[in-house]
Amino acid sequence: MAVLVLSGVLVLVVGGCVCVVWAARGGPRWVRAVSAVTLAVGELARTSKSAGRRGGGGDD
């Protein structure tokens, strides 16, 4: 079951990346929408990751 979930996530990530490249080359409107969502989710993941590092646990 976990393999199916991870495979589905992988397909979504690869599809999002393809849409970002296609949108950069002037794809249709739906591709640009998927691209914008993909980039927003990526930015959200990046900011949440850096916010977790700033937590300051003092475990250095």
PDB file of N, CA and C in Angstrom:
ATOM      1  N   MET A   1       0.824  -1.198   0.000  1.00  0.00           N
ATOM      2  CA  MET A   1       0.000   0.000   0.000  1.00  0.00           C
ATOM      3  C   MET A   1       0.867   1.260   0.000  1.00  0.00           C
ATOM      4  N   ALA A   2       1.925   1.239   0.790  1.00  0.00           N
ATOM      5  CA  ALA A   2       2.811   2.403   0.855  1.00  0.00           C
ATOM      6  C   ALA A   2       3.480   2.653  -0.492  1.00  0.00           C
ATOM      7  N   VAL A   3       3.776   1.561  -1.202  1.00  0.00           N
ATOM      8  CA  VAL A   3       4.406   1.705  -2.520  1.00  0.00           C
ATOM      9  C   VAL A   3       3.455   2.417  -3.478  1.00  0.00           C
ATOM     10  N   LEU A   4       2.185   2.126  -3.402  1.00  0.00           N
ATOM     11  CA  LEU A   4       1.208   2.786  -4.269  1.00  0.00           C
ATOM     12  C   LEU A   4       1.098   4.275  -3.947  1.00  0.00           C
ATOM     13  N   VAL A   5       1.094   4.603  -2.665  1.00  0.00           N
ATOM     14  CA  VAL A   5       1.008   6.012  -2.272  1.00  0.00           C
ATOM     15  C   VAL A   5       2.249   6.762  -2.734  1.00  0.00           C
ATOM     16  N   LEU A   6       3.429   6.195  -2.499  1.00  0.00           N
ATOM     17  CA  LEU A   6       4.666   6.839  -2.925  1.00  0.00           C
ATOM     18  C   LEU A   6       4.759   6.947  -4.438  1.00  0.00           C
ATOM     19  N   SER A   7       4.257   5.948  -5.136  1.00  0.00           N
ATOM     20  CA  SER A   7       4.241   6.012  -6.605  1.00  0.00           C
ATOM     21  C   SER A   7       3.322   7.133  -7.080  1.00  0.00           C
ATOM     22  N   GLY A   8       2.186   7.287  -6.436  1.00  0.00           N
ATOM     23  CA  GLY A   8       1.271   8.370  -6.790  1.00  0.00           C
ATOM     24  C   GLY A   8       1.878   9.742  -6.545  1.00  0.00           C
ATOM     25  N   VAL A   9       2.569   9.893  -5.432  1.00  0.00           N
ATOM     26  CA  VAL A   9       3.242  11.161  -5.131  1.00  0.00           C
ATOM     27  C   VAL A   9       4.330  11.435  -6.162  1.00  0.00           C
ATOM     28  N   LEU A  10       5.068  10.407  -6.526  1.00  0.00           N
ATOM     29  CA  LEU A  10       6.124  10.570  -7.527  1.00  0.00           C
ATOM     30  C   LEU A  10       5.547  11.005  -8.874  1.00  0.00           C
ATOM     31  N   VAL A  11       4.440  10.414  -9.268  1.00  0.00           N
ATOM     32  CA  VAL A  11       3.792  10.784 -10.534  1.00  0.00           C
ATOM     33  C   VAL A  11       3.334  12.248 -10.486  1.00  0.00           C
ATOM     34  N   LEU A  12       2.785  12.689  -9.350  1.00  0.00           N
ATOM     35  CA  LEU A  12       2.351  14.077  -9.229  1.00  0.00           C
ATOM     36  C   LEU A  12       3.534  15.044  -9.294  1.00  0.00           C
ATOM     37  N   VAL A  13       4.635  14.684  -8.658  1.00  0.00           N
ATOM     38  CA  VAL A  13       5.810  15.555  -8.664  1.00  0.00           C
ATOM     39  C   VAL A  13       6.398  15.652 -10.070  1.00  0.00           C
ATOM     40  N   VAL A  14       6.539  14.524 -10.736  1.00  0.00           N
ATOM     41  CA  VAL A  14       7.093  14.538 -12.093  1.00  0.00           C
ATOM     42  C   VAL A  14       6.162  15.300 -13.033  1.00  0.00           C
ATOM     43  N   GLY A  15       4.868  15.089 -12.901  1.00  0.00           N
ATOM     44  CA  GLY A  15       3.907  15.815 -13.729  1.00  0.00           C
ATOM     45  C   GLY A  15       3.957  17.310 -13.489  1.00  0.00           C
ATOM     46  N   GLY A  16       4.127  17.710 -12.234  1.00  0.00           N
ATOM     47  CA  GLY A  16       4.254  19.133 -11.924  1.00  0.00           C
ATOM     48  C   GLY A  16       5.500  19.734 -12.540  1.00  0.00           C
ATOM     49  N   CYS A  17       6.595  18.998 -12.483  1.00  0.00           N
ATOM     50  CA  CYS A  17       7.843  19.486 -13.082  1.00  0.00           C
ATOM     51  C   CYS A  17       7.716  19.626 -14.598  1.00  0.00           C
ATOM     52  N   VAL A  18       7.051  18.664 -15.216  1.00  0.00           N
ATOM     53  CA  VAL A  18       6.829  18.738 -16.669  1.00  0.00           C
ATOM     54  C   VAL A  18       5.980  19.966 -17.000  1.00  0.00           C
ATOM     55  N   CYS A  19       4.977  20.243 -16.184  1.00  0.00           N
ATOM     56  CA  CYS A  19       4.133  21.412 -16.438  1.00  0.00           C
ATOM     57  C   CYS A  19       4.908  22.715 -16.260  1.00  0.00           C
ATOM     58  N   VAL A  20       5.837  22.756 -15.300  1.00  0.00           N
ATOM     59  CA  VAL A  20       6.640  23.968 -15.118  1.00  0.00           C
ATOM     60  C   VAL A  20       7.485  24.228 -16.362  1.00  0.00           C
ATOM     61  N   VAL A  21       8.112  23.196 -16.890  1.00  0.00           N
ATOM     62  CA  VAL A  21       8.938  23.356 -18.088  1.00  0.00           C
ATOM     63  C   VAL A  21       8.068  23.731 -19.283  1.00  0.00           C
ATOM     64  N   TRP A  22       6.934  23.063 -19.432  1.00  0.00           N
ATOM     65  CA  TRP A  22       6.045  23.339 -20.552  1.00  0.00           C
ATOM     66  C   TRP A  22       5.492  24.761 -20.479  1.00  0.00           C
ATOM     67  N   ALA A  23       5.143  25.211 -19.276  1.00  0.00           N
ATOM     68  CA  ALA A  23       4.618  26.565 -19.109  1.00  0.00           C
ATOM     69  C   ALA A  23       5.685  27.609 -19.438  1.00  0.00           C
ATOM     70  N   ALA A  24       6.943  27.311 -19.125  1.00  0.00           N
ATOM     71  CA  ALA A  24       8.023  28.234 -19.449  1.00  0.00           C
ATOM     72  C   ALA A  24       8.170  28.396 -20.959  1.00  0.00           C
ATOM     73  N   ARG A  25       7.760  27.393 -21.695  1.00  0.00           N
ATOM     74  CA  ARG A  25       7.830  27.445 -23.156  1.00  0.00           C
ATOM     75  C   ARG A  25       6.527  27.920 -23.782  1.00  0.00           C
ATOM     76  N   GLY A  26       5.558  28.329 -22.942  1.00  0.00           N
ATOM     77  CA  GLY A  26       4.318  28.900 -23.465  1.00  0.00           C
ATOM     78  C   GLY A  26       3.217  27.885 -23.674  1.00  0.00           C
ATOM     79  N   GLY A  27       2.964  27.056 -22.703  1.00  0.00           N
ATOM     80  CA  GLY A  27       1.922  26.042 -22.820  1.00  0.00           C
ATOM     81  C   GLY A  27       0.528  26.626 -22.660  1.00  0.00           C
ATOM     82  N   PRO A  28      -0.472  25.760 -22.725  1.00  0.00           N
ATOM     83  CA  PRO A  28      -1.856  26.219 -22.571  1.00  0.00           C
ATOM     84  C   PRO A  28      -2.139  26.738 -21.153  1.00  0.00           C
ATOM     85  N   ARG A  29      -3.306  27.320 -20.979  1.00  0.00           N
ATOM     86  CA  ARG A  29      -3.663  27.953 -19.710  1.00  0.00           C
ATOM     87  C   ARG A  29      -3.660  26.959 -18.554  1.00  0.00           C
ATOM     88  N   TRP A  30      -4.168  25.739 -18.753  1.00  0.00           N
ATOM     89  CA  TRP A  30      -4.219  24.779 -17.656  1.00  0.00           C
ATOM     90  C   TRP A  30      -2.818  24.360 -17.227  1.00  0.00           C
ATOM     91  N   VAL A  31      -1.881  24.338 -18.160  1.00  0.00           N
ATOM     92  CA  VAL A  31      -0.502  23.998 -17.813  1.00  0.00           C
ATOM     93  C   VAL A  31       0.110  25.104 -16.971  1.00  0.00           C
ATOM     94  N   ARG A  32      -0.193  26.337 -17.309  1.00  0.00           N
ATOM     95  CA  ARG A  32       0.318  27.452 -16.509  1.00  0.00           C
ATOM     96  C   ARG A  32      -0.284  27.447 -15.116  1.00  0.00           C
ATOM     97  N   ALA A  33      -1.543  27.029 -14.991  1.00  0.00           N
ATOM     98  CA  ALA A  33      -2.181  26.944 -13.674  1.00  0.00           C
ATOM     99  C   ALA A  33      -1.529  25.846 -12.827  1.00  0.00           C
ATOM    100  N   VAL A  34      -1.319  24.686 -13.424  1.00  0.00           N
ATOM    101  CA  VAL A  34      -0.666  23.587 -12.701  1.00  0.00           C
ATOM    102  C   VAL A  34       0.758  23.985 -12.329  1.00  0.00           C
ATOM    103  N   SER A  35       1.426  24.694 -13.215  1.00  0.00           N
ATOM    104  CA  SER A  35       2.778  25.166 -12.945  1.00  0.00           C
ATOM    105  C   SER A  35       2.797  26.122 -11.757  1.00  0.00           C
ATOM    106  N   ALA A  36       1.850  27.032 -11.713  1.00  0.00           N
ATOM    107  CA  ALA A  36       1.785  27.986 -10.604  1.00  0.00           C
ATOM    108  C   ALA A  36       1.538  27.268  -9.279  1.00  0.00           C
ATOM    109  N   VAL A  37       0.666  26.273  -9.287  1.00  0.00           N
ATOM    110  CA  VAL A  37       0.403  25.501  -8.067  1.00  0.00           C
ATOM    111  C   VAL A  37       1.651  24.732  -7.652  1.00  0.00           C
ATOM    112  N   THR A  38       2.336  24.132  -8.608  1.00  0.00           N
ATOM    113  CA  THR A  38       3.550  23.374  -8.310  1.00  0.00           C
ATOM    114  C   THR A  38       4.618  24.276  -7.701  1.00  0.00           C
ATOM    115  N   LEU A  39       4.815  25.437  -8.281  1.00  0.00           N
ATOM    116  CA  LEU A  39       5.812  26.365  -7.755  1.00  0.00           C
ATOM    117  C   LEU A  39       5.421  26.882  -6.371  1.00  0.00           C
ATOM    118  N   ALA A  40       4.127  27.115  -6.140  1.00  0.00           N
ATOM    119  CA  ALA A  40       3.671  27.587  -4.831  1.00  0.00           C
ATOM    120  C   ALA A  40       3.878  26.522  -3.755  1.00  0.00           C
ATOM    121  N   VAL A  41       3.581  25.277  -4.084  1.00  0.00           N
ATOM    122  CA  VAL A  41       3.784  24.190  -3.119  1.00  0.00           C
ATOM    123  C   VAL A  41       5.271  24.009  -2.832  1.00  0.00           C
ATOM    124  N   GLY A  42       6.096  24.141  -3.854  1.00  0.00           N
ATOM    125  CA  GLY A  42       7.540  24.049  -3.648  1.00  0.00           C
ATOM    126  C   GLY A  42       8.062  25.158  -2.761  1.00  0.00           C
ATOM    127  N   GLU A  43       7.569  26.366  -2.970  1.00  0.00           N
ATOM    128  CA  GLU A  43       7.978  27.491  -2.132  1.00  0.00           C
ATOM    129  C   GLU A  43       7.498  27.301  -0.697  1.00  0.00           C
ATOM    130  N   LEU A  44       6.283  26.797  -0.540  1.00  0.00           N
ATOM    131  CA  LEU A  44       5.749  26.534   0.792  1.00  0.00           C
ATOM    132  C   LEU A  44       6.591  25.484   1.515  1.00  0.00           C
ATOM    133  N   ALA A  45       6.981  24.446   0.798  1.00  0.00           N
ATOM    134  CA  ALA A  45       7.821  23.407   1.398  1.00  0.00           C
ATOM    135  C   ALA A  45       9.183  23.972   1.778  1.00  0.00           C
ATOM    136  N   ARG A  46       9.719  24.839   0.943  1.00  0.00           N
ATOM    137  CA  ARG A  46      11.031  25.423   1.241  1.00  0.00           C
ATOM    138  C   ARG A  46      10.964  26.321   2.464  1.00  0.00           C
ATOM    139  N   THR A  47       9.921  27.161   2.576  1.00  0.00           N
ATOM    140  CA  THR A  47       9.827  28.065   3.717  1.00  0.00           C
ATOM    141  C   THR A  47       9.535  27.321   5.003  1.00  0.00           C
ATOM    142  N   SER A  48       8.750  26.255   4.938  1.00  0.00           N
ATOM    143  CA  SER A  48       8.482  25.492   6.155  1.00  0.00           C
ATOM    144  C   SER A  48       9.732  24.735   6.607  1.00  0.00           C
ATOM    145  N   LYS A  49      10.545  24.306   5.663  1.00  0.00           N
ATOM    146  CA  LYS A  49      11.789  23.622   6.010  1.00  0.00           C
ATOM    147  C   LYS A  49      12.762  24.581   6.675  1.00  0.00           C
ATOM    148  N   SER A  50      12.886  25.800   6.142  1.00  0.00           N
ATOM    149  CA  SER A  50      13.806  26.764   6.736  1.00  0.00           C
ATOM    150  C   SER A  50      13.262  27.284   8.061  1.00  0.00           C
ATOM    151  N   ALA A  51      11.948  27.355   8.228  1.00  0.00           N
ATOM    152  CA  ALA A  51      11.372  27.772   9.497  1.00  0.00           C
ATOM    153  C   ALA A  51      11.644  26.736  10.582  1.00  0.00           C
ATOM    154  N   GLY A  52      11.669  25.472  10.203  1.00  0.00           N
ATOM    155  CA  GLY A  52      11.998  24.413  11.155  1.00  0.00           C
ATOM    156  C   GLY A  52      13.432  24.478  11.610  1.00  0.00           C
ATOM    157  N   ARG A  53      14.317  24.924  10.738  1.00  0.00           N
ATOM    158  CA  ARG A  53      15.736  25.041  11.108  1.00  0.00           C
ATOM    159  C   ARG A  53      15.974  26.213  12.042  1.00  0.00           C
ATOM    160  N   ARG A  54      15.138  27.261  11.939  1.00  0.00           N
ATOM    161  CA  ARG A  54      15.321  28.428  12.788  1.00  0.00           C
ATOM    162  C   ARG A  54      14.740  28.209  14.174  1.00  0.00           C
ATOM    163  N   GLY A  55      14.192  27.033  14.432  1.00  0.00           N
ATOM    164  CA  GLY A  55      13.548  26.776  15.714  1.00  0.00           C
ATOM    165  C   GLY A  55      14.445  26.999  16.915  1.00  0.00           C
ATOM    166  N   GLY A  56      15.747  26.824  16.772  1.00  0.00           N
ATOM    167  CA  GLY A  56      16.671  27.113  17.857  1.00  0.00           C
ATOM    168  C   GLY A  56      16.590  26.130  18.997  1.00  0.00           C
ATOM    169  N   GLY A  57      16.761  24.860  18.715  1.00  0.00           N
ATOM    170  CA  GLY A  57      16.720  23.849  19.765  1.00  0.00           C
ATOM    171  C   GLY A  57      17.984  23.802  20.600  1.00  0.00           C
ATOM    172  N   GLY A  58      19.076  24.344  20.135  1.00  0.00           N
ATOM    173  CA  GLY A  58      20.326  24.343  20.884  1.00  0.00           C
ATOM    174  C   GLY A  58      21.014  23.011  20.917  1.00  0.00           C
ATOM    175  N   ASP A  59      20.777  22.162  19.926  1.00  0.00           N
ATOM    176  CA  ASP A  59      21.371  20.830  19.884  1.00  0.00           C
ATOM    177  C   ASP A  59      22.690  20.802  19.126  1.00  0.00           C
ATOM    178  N   ASP A  60      23.365  21.926  18.988  1.00  0.00           N
ATOM    179  CA  ASP A  60      24.600  21.985  18.192  1.00  0.00           C
ATOM    180  C   ASP A  60      25.717  21.282  18.826  1.00  0.00           C
TER     181      ASP A  60
END
